[in-house]
Structure formats: C-alpha cells, structure tokens
C-alpha atoms as a PDB file:
ATOM      1  CA  MET A   1      -0.004   0.021  -0.056  1.00  0.00           C
ATOM      2  CA  GLU A   2       1.298   3.434  -1.030  1.00  0.00           C
ATOM      3  CA  THR A   3       1.578   6.222   1.548  1.00  0.00           C
ATOM      4  CA  GLN A   4       0.290   9.642   0.517  1.00  0.00           C
ATOM      5  CA  LYS A   5       2.541  12.702   0.857  1.00  0.00           C
ATOM      6  CA  PRO A   6       1.214  15.135   3.136  1.00  0.00           C
ATOM      7  CA  LEU A   7      -0.484  18.197   1.600  1.00  0.00           C
ATOM      8  CA  THR A   8       1.625  21.278   1.217  1.00  0.00           C
ATOM      9  CA  ALA A   9       0.514  24.469   2.990  1.00  0.00           C
ATOM     10  CA  GLU A  10      -0.596  25.785  -0.337  1.00  0.00           C
ATOM     11  CA  GLN A  11      -2.786  22.810  -1.178  1.00  0.00           C
ATOM     12  CA  ARG A  12      -4.414  23.140   2.377  1.00  0.00           C
ATOM     13  CA  GLY A  13      -5.177  26.660   1.524  1.00  0.00           C
ATOM     14  CA  GLU A  14      -2.925  27.896   4.342  1.00  0.00           C
ATOM     15  CA  VAL A  15      -0.181  30.438   3.842  1.00  0.00           C
ATOM     16  CA  ARG A  16       2.002  32.594   5.916  1.00  0.00           C
ATOM     17  CA  GLU A  17       2.282  36.256   5.267  1.00  0.00           C
ATOM     18  CA  VAL A  18       4.836  38.817   6.243  1.00  0.00           C
ATOM     19  CA  VAL A  19       3.707  42.234   7.115  1.00  0.00           C
ATOM     20  CA  GLY A  20       5.687  45.395   7.843  1.00  0.00           C
ATOM     21  CA  VAL A  21       5.108  49.072   8.655  1.00  0.00           C
ATOM     22  CA  PHE A  22       6.795  51.791   6.671  1.00  0.00           C
ATOM     23  CA  ASP A  23       7.194  55.381   7.488  1.00  0.00           C
ATOM     24  CA  ASN A  24       7.115  56.626   3.977  1.00  0.00           C
ATOM     25  CA  LEU A  25       6.262  55.639   0.444  1.00  0.00           C
ATOM     26  CA  ASP A  26       9.806  55.561  -0.790  1.00  0.00           C
ATOM     27  CA  GLN A  27      10.822  52.938   1.842  1.00  0.00           C
ATOM     28  CA  MET A  28       7.805  50.831   0.992  1.00  0.00           C
ATOM     29  CA  GLN A  29       8.530  51.004  -2.735  1.00  0.00           C
ATOM     30  CA  SER A  30      12.175  50.012  -2.229  1.00  0.00           C
ATOM     31  CA  ALA A  31      10.878  47.111  -0.266  1.00  0.00           C
ATOM     32  CA  ILE A  32       8.451  46.125  -2.896  1.00  0.00           C
ATOM     33  CA  ASP A  33      11.093  46.563  -5.664  1.00  0.00           C
ATOM     34  CA  ASP A  34      13.431  44.186  -3.642  1.00  0.00           C
ATOM     35  CA  LEU A  35      10.625  41.619  -3.028  1.00  0.00           C
ATOM     36  CA  LEU A  36      10.029  41.508  -6.783  1.00  0.00           C
ATOM     37  CA  THR A  37      13.756  41.184  -7.554  1.00  0.00           C
ATOM     38  CA  ASP A  38      14.020  38.390  -4.935  1.00  0.00           C
ATOM     39  CA  GLY A  39      11.367  36.249  -6.709  1.00  0.00           C
ATOM     40  CA  PHE A  40       8.036  37.315  -5.142  1.00  0.00           C
ATOM     41  CA  ASP A  41       5.236  37.705  -7.818  1.00  0.00           C
ATOM     42  CA  GLN A  42       3.415  40.911  -7.822  1.00  0.00           C
ATOM     43  CA  THR A  43       0.142  38.945  -6.924  1.00  0.00           C
ATOM     44  CA  THR A  44       1.727  37.934  -3.624  1.00  0.00           C
ATOM     45  CA  ILE A  45       2.326  41.616  -2.559  1.00  0.00           C
ATOM     46  CA  SER A  46      -0.416  43.660  -1.140  1.00  0.00           C
ATOM     47  CA  VAL A  47      -1.077  46.911   0.540  1.00  0.00           C
ATOM     48  CA  LEU A  48      -3.720  48.073   2.956  1.00  0.00           C
ATOM     49  CA  ALA A  49      -7.081  48.471   1.416  1.00  0.00           C
ATOM     50  CA  PRO A  50      -8.755  51.882   1.259  1.00  0.00           C
ATOM     51  CA  GLN A  51      -9.886  53.238   4.688  1.00  0.00           C
ATOM     52  CA  THR A  52     -13.575  52.804   3.806  1.00  0.00           C
ATOM     53  CA  VAL A  53     -13.129  49.077   2.969  1.00  0.00           C
ATOM     54  CA  VAL A  54     -11.158  48.614   6.089  1.00  0.00           C
ATOM     55  CA  ARG A  55     -13.669  50.393   8.285  1.00  0.00           C
ATOM     56  CA  GLU A  56     -16.591  48.436   6.659  1.00  0.00           C
ATOM     57  CA  ALA A  57     -14.799  45.236   7.626  1.00  0.00           C
ATOM     58  CA  LEU A  58     -13.764  46.143  11.078  1.00  0.00           C
ATOM     59  CA  GLY A  59     -16.171  48.753  12.245  1.00  0.00           C
ATOM     60  CA  ASP A  60     -15.151  51.412  14.585  1.00  0.00           C
ATOM     61  CA  GLN A  61     -12.097  49.356  15.753  1.00  0.00           C
ATOM     62  CA  SER A  62      -8.782  51.196  16.104  1.00  0.00           C
ATOM     63  CA  LEU A  63      -7.182  51.640  12.633  1.00  0.00           C
ATOM     64  CA  SER A  64      -3.690  51.883  14.063  1.00  0.00           C
ATOM     65  CA  ALA A  65      -0.984  50.409  11.696  1.00  0.00           C
ATOM     66  CA  HIS A  66       0.390  48.237  14.519  1.00  0.00           C
ATOM     67  CA  GLY A  67      -3.108  46.819  15.170  1.00  0.00           C
ATOM     68  CA  LEU A  68      -3.937  46.362  11.559  1.00  0.00           C
ATOM     69  CA  GLY A  69      -0.739  44.538  10.757  1.00  0.00           C
ATOM     70  CA  ALA A  70      -1.110  42.204  13.553  1.00  0.00           C
ATOM     71  CA  SER A  71      -4.558  41.100  12.552  1.00  0.00           C
ATOM     72  CA  PRO A  72      -4.790  38.367   9.769  1.00  0.00           C
ATOM     73  CA  SER A  73      -8.234  39.483   8.934  1.00  0.00           C
ATOM     74  CA  THR A  74      -7.287  43.048   7.811  1.00  0.00           C
ATOM     75  CA  ARG A  75      -8.460  43.801   4.415  1.00  0.00           C
ATOM     76  CA  HIS A  76      -5.678  44.030   1.721  1.00  0.00           C
ATOM     77  CA  GLY A  77      -5.626  45.899  -1.299  1.00  0.00           C
ATOM     78  CA  THR A  78      -3.950  45.063  -4.689  1.00  0.00           C
ATOM     79  CA  TYR A  79      -0.422  46.465  -5.201  1.00  0.00           C
ATOM     80  CA  VAL A  80      -0.298  48.542  -8.522  1.00  0.00           C
ATOM     81  CA  ASP A  81       3.358  49.558  -9.528  1.00  0.00           C
ATOM     82  CA  PRO A  82       3.891  53.208 -10.133  1.00  0.00           C
ATOM     83  CA  GLU A  83       4.609  52.695 -13.662  1.00  0.00           C
ATOM     84  CA  ALA A  84       1.169  51.114 -14.378  1.00  0.00           C
ATOM     85  CA  ARG A  85      -0.537  53.880 -12.496  1.00  0.00           C
ATOM     86  CA  ASN A  86       1.326  56.490 -14.667  1.00  0.00           C
ATOM     87  CA  GLU A  87       0.513  54.618 -17.712  1.00  0.00           C
ATOM     88  CA  ALA A  88      -3.210  54.510 -16.740  1.00  0.00           C
ATOM     89  CA  LYS A  89      -3.247  58.137 -16.187  1.00  0.00           C
ATOM     90  CA  ALA A  90      -1.545  58.955 -19.519  1.00  0.00           C
ATOM     91  CA  GLY A  91      -4.109  56.409 -21.172  1.00  0.00           C
ATOM     92  CA  ILE A  92      -6.951  58.456 -19.713  1.00  0.00           C
ATOM     93  CA  ILE A  93      -5.584  61.700 -21.049  1.00  0.00           C
ATOM     94  CA  GLY A  94      -4.735  60.192 -24.462  1.00  0.00           C
ATOM     95  CA  ALA A  95      -7.890  58.362 -24.958  1.00  0.00           C
ATOM     96  CA  LEU A  96     -10.038  61.403 -24.088  1.00  0.00           C
ATOM     97  CA  PHE A  97      -8.066  63.632 -26.401  1.00  0.00           C
ATOM     98  CA  TYR A  98      -8.401  61.119 -29.235  1.00  0.00           C
ATOM     99  CA  ILE A  99     -12.131  60.746 -28.825  1.00  0.00           C
ATOM    100  CA  GLY A 100     -12.541  64.545 -28.808  1.00  0.00           C
ATOM    101  CA  ALA A 101     -10.325  65.062 -31.694  1.00  0.00           C
ATOM    102  CA  ILE A 102     -11.948  62.431 -33.857  1.00  0.00           C
ATOM    103  CA  GLY A 103     -15.470  63.454 -32.831  1.00  0.00           C
ATOM    104  CA  GLY A 104     -14.772  67.020 -33.477  1.00  0.00           C
ATOM    105  CA  ALA A 105     -13.192  66.326 -36.923  1.00  0.00           C
ATOM    106  CA  GLY A 106     -16.065  63.978 -37.726  1.00  0.00           C
ATOM    107  CA  MET A 107     -18.666  66.595 -36.792  1.00  0.00           C
ATOM    108  CA  ALA A 108     -16.980  69.196 -38.978  1.00  0.00           C
ATOM    109  CA  MET A 109     -16.715  67.074 -41.954  1.00  0.00           C
ATOM    110  CA  ALA A 110     -20.419  65.717 -41.660  1.00  0.00           C
ATOM    111  CA  ALA A 111     -21.527  69.411 -41.624  1.00  0.00           C
ATOM    112  CA  GLY A 112     -19.864  70.065 -44.758  1.00  0.00           C
ATOM    113  CA  GLY A 113     -16.778  71.756 -43.376  1.00  0.00           C
ATOM    114  CA  THR A 114     -13.437  72.143 -44.982  1.00  0.00           C
ATOM    115  CA  LEU A 115     -10.354  70.127 -43.850  1.00  0.00           C
ATOM    116  CA  GLY A 116      -9.087  73.300 -42.074  1.00  0.00           C
ATOM    117  CA  ALA A 117     -12.433  73.391 -39.972  1.00  0.00           C
ATOM    118  CA  ALA A 118     -12.047  69.769 -39.259  1.00  0.00           C
ATOM    119  CA  ILE A 119      -8.536  70.219 -38.081  1.00  0.00           C
ATOM    120  CA  ALA A 120      -9.644  73.246 -36.064  1.00  0.00           C
ATOM    121  CA  ALA A 121     -12.476  71.343 -34.553  1.00  0.00           C
ATOM    122  CA  ALA A 122     -10.215  68.347 -33.727  1.00  0.00           C
ATOM    123  CA  MET A 123      -7.689  70.533 -31.901  1.00  0.00           C
ATOM    124  CA  VAL A 124     -10.460  72.329 -29.889  1.00  0.00           C
ATOM    125  CA  LEU A 125     -12.381  69.219 -28.932  1.00  0.00           C
ATOM    126  CA  GLY A 126      -9.206  67.163 -28.559  1.00  0.00           C
ATOM    127  CA  GLY A 127      -7.762  69.791 -26.282  1.00  0.00           C
ATOM    128  CA  GLY A 128     -10.936  69.809 -24.164  1.00  0.00           C
ATOM    129  CA  GLY A 129     -11.007  65.941 -23.960  1.00  0.00           C
ATOM    130  CA  GLY A 130      -7.343  65.963 -22.951  1.00  0.00           C
ATOM    131  CA  LEU A 131      -8.119  68.649 -20.251  1.00  0.00           C
ATOM    132  CA  ILE A 132     -10.914  66.283 -18.977  1.00  0.00           C
ATOM    133  CA  GLY A 133      -8.502  63.495 -18.886  1.00  0.00           C
ATOM    134  CA  ALA A 134      -5.892  65.592 -17.113  1.00  0.00           C
ATOM    135  CA  THR A 135      -8.328  66.507 -14.465  1.00  0.00           C
ATOM    136  CA  LEU A 136      -9.290  62.771 -14.080  1.00  0.00           C
ATOM    137  CA  ALA A 137      -5.717  61.792 -13.821  1.00  0.00           C
ATOM    138  CA  GLN A 138      -5.126  64.351 -11.172  1.00  0.00           C
ATOM    139  CA  LEU A 139      -8.188  63.139  -9.108  1.00  0.00           C
ATOM    140  CA  ILE A 140      -6.505  59.719  -9.299  1.00  0.00           C
ATOM    141  CA  GLY A 141      -3.352  61.158  -7.865  1.00  0.00           C
ATOM    142  CA  SER A 142      -5.268  63.014  -5.245  1.00  0.00           C
ATOM    143  CA  ALA A 143      -6.995  59.840  -4.145  1.00  0.00           C
ATOM    144  CA  GLU A 144      -3.539  57.958  -3.878  1.00  0.00           C
ATOM    145  CA  ALA A 145      -2.321  60.935  -1.793  1.00  0.00           C
ATOM    146  CA  ARG A 146      -5.413  60.845   0.457  1.00  0.00           C
ATOM    147  CA  TRP A 147      -4.797  56.884   0.907  1.00  0.00           C
ATOM    148  CA  VAL A 148      -1.054  57.424   1.922  1.00  0.00           C
ATOM    149  CA  LYS A 149      -2.022  60.380   4.216  1.00  0.00           C
ATOM    150  CA  ALA A 150      -4.654  58.380   5.964  1.00  0.00           C
ATOM    151  CA  GLN A 151      -2.214  55.356   6.604  1.00  0.00           C
ATOM    152  CA  MET A 152       0.447  57.801   7.910  1.00  0.00           C
ATOM    153  CA  GLU A 153      -1.986  59.338  10.446  1.00  0.00           C
ATOM    154  CA  HIS A 154      -2.577  55.781  11.794  1.00  0.00           C
ATOM    155  CA  GLY A 155       1.130  55.083  12.276  1.00  0.00           C
ATOM    156  CA  GLY A 156       2.448  54.176   8.883  1.00  0.00           C
ATOM    157  CA  MET A 157       2.120  52.247   5.602  1.00  0.00           C
ATOM    158  CA  LEU A 158       1.391  48.527   5.661  1.00  0.00           C
ATOM    159  CA  LEU A 159       2.873  45.963   3.251  1.00  0.00           C
ATOM    160  CA  TRP A 160       2.209  42.371   3.001  1.00  0.00           C
ATOM    161  CA  ALA A 161       4.072  39.575   1.115  1.00  0.00           C
ATOM    162  CA  ARG A 162       2.647  35.980   1.036  1.00  0.00           C
ATOM    163  CA  ALA A 163       5.239  33.305   1.684  1.00  0.00           C
ATOM    164  CA  TRP A 164       4.550  29.717   0.696  1.00  0.00           C
ATOM    165  CA  ASP A 165       7.603  28.440   2.535  1.00  0.00           C
ATOM    166  CA  GLU A 166       9.947  29.327   5.315  1.00  0.00           C
ATOM    167  CA  ALA A 167      12.684  30.532   2.892  1.00  0.00           C
ATOM    168  CA  LYS A 168      10.416  33.018   1.307  1.00  0.00           C
ATOM    169  CA  GLU A 169       9.312  33.999   4.798  1.00  0.00           C
ATOM    170  CA  ARG A 170      12.762  34.746   5.927  1.00  0.00           C
ATOM    171  CA  THR A 171      13.543  36.563   2.771  1.00  0.00           C
ATOM    172  CA  ALA A 172      10.413  38.835   3.072  1.00  0.00           C
ATOM    173  CA  ILE A 173      11.318  39.677   6.634  1.00  0.00           C
ATOM    174  CA  ASP A 174      14.947  40.532   5.846  1.00  0.00           C
ATOM    175  CA  VAL A 175      13.795  42.650   2.723  1.00  0.00           C
ATOM    176  CA  MET A 176      11.272  44.679   4.782  1.00  0.00           C
ATOM    177  CA  GLN A 177      13.588  45.312   7.682  1.00  0.00           C
ATOM    178  CA  ARG A 178      16.587  46.313   5.366  1.00  0.00           C
ATOM    179  CA  ASN A 179      14.211  48.757   3.775  1.00  0.00           C
ATOM    180  CA  GLY A 180      13.134  50.437   7.060  1.00  0.00           C
ATOM    181  CA  GLY A 181      10.082  48.345   7.729  1.00  0.00           C
ATOM    182  CA  HIS A 182       9.369  48.002  11.543  1.00  0.00           C
ATOM    183  CA  ASP A 183       6.924  45.839  13.436  1.00  0.00           C
ATOM    184  CA  VAL A 184       7.831  43.267  10.714  1.00  0.00           C
ATOM    185  CA  HIS A 185       6.526  39.732  11.550  1.00  0.00           C
ATOM    186  CA  ALA A 186       4.924  36.842  10.019  1.00  0.00           C
ATOM    187  CA  HIS A 187       1.505  35.202  10.753  1.00  0.00           C
ATOM    188  CA  SER A 188      -0.853  32.573   9.291  1.00  0.00           C
ATOM    189  CA  ALA A 189      -3.488  33.687   6.763  1.00  0.00           C
ATOM    190  CA  THR A 190      -5.846  31.684   4.637  1.00  0.00           C
ATOM    191  CA  ALA A 191      -5.215  31.495   0.803  1.00  0.00           C
END
C-alpha cells in the first residue's frame, strides 16, 4: 500500500504572510522592488485596502498600523506599480484627447466643413478631452495621496508579502527590515 504525501500548505489553503509598517512611500516602494527582485510575484504583494473598506470590515475599531498589521483579517488592497499607475493616467488623457479630436473632426466634416475646419474642431475638442483626462488623472493622484496620508495618520504604511515556505518568509522579513520596515512579523493567513 502506497503512503500519500502530506499536503503542502498551499494545497491546504494555508499560507504565511509577512507584514511590515513603513514610515514613507519611498521605503515601502524600495521594499516592494526588492521583493520582486527576490522572486516574489506581484500577486503575492499587497497593501492596505482603502480606509472605507477597512472600516466596513472592522467597524469602528482602532485603525492603528500596528493593530491592523497584527490582524490576519485586515483587508488587503492590490499593489499596483507606479509605472502602471502613470500609464493609466496617460491613457486616460490620451484616450479622451483622441475621442474629442476624432469626434470634432467627424462633426465638422459631416456638417460639410473644410479640412481646415475639421482640423480646428479636432484641436479644440481634442484639447477639451485632454483637459478632462488630465483632470481625471489628477483626481486619481489625489486619491492616492489621501490613501497615503490616511495610513500615515494611523502610524505608517502597511505592506504584506505572502510566503509559501520558510525560505520566502525569511527573505520577506529581511527585505522589509532592510528597507526600513518596522513591526515586521509573519502570521498565518488563509489563501
């Protein structure tokens, strides 16, 4: 009779995660960059969910960074790298400029306008669309700034890294501490 291998932690739906508190965004981003370099996948890295989501899950409990980091039930948010955020902002601006420009040129041509009128309409409406896109991009940046400010008011920025084995757990702890993280520890979580 063949003996079965015990299930791995991942197969059992159990995982360890390392959490650390950072005093500024640069330290946290440096830790994230090092985690990615050391073999962590972006999907295993997370940050604190927006304050409204955390409050909804925890009620009026304390939102201190230390307390939230110690609780395995704290809601996490998806980490999005800065380049992707900047590309999204540029995409919003570009798309709205393009829509305005094409729409303006199309309306001018449909109304029997000349090529010059179509170009003028494209510039005006494209510029308007780009301005709206820039405003939306600024609102996205403002939301990010409020998210950082809210975390700093509660003691720091939280960063999690899922570690499927002891070696990854040790690596994550080392990376976070080396990059200025404090209250760095590991605890069990469910996958």
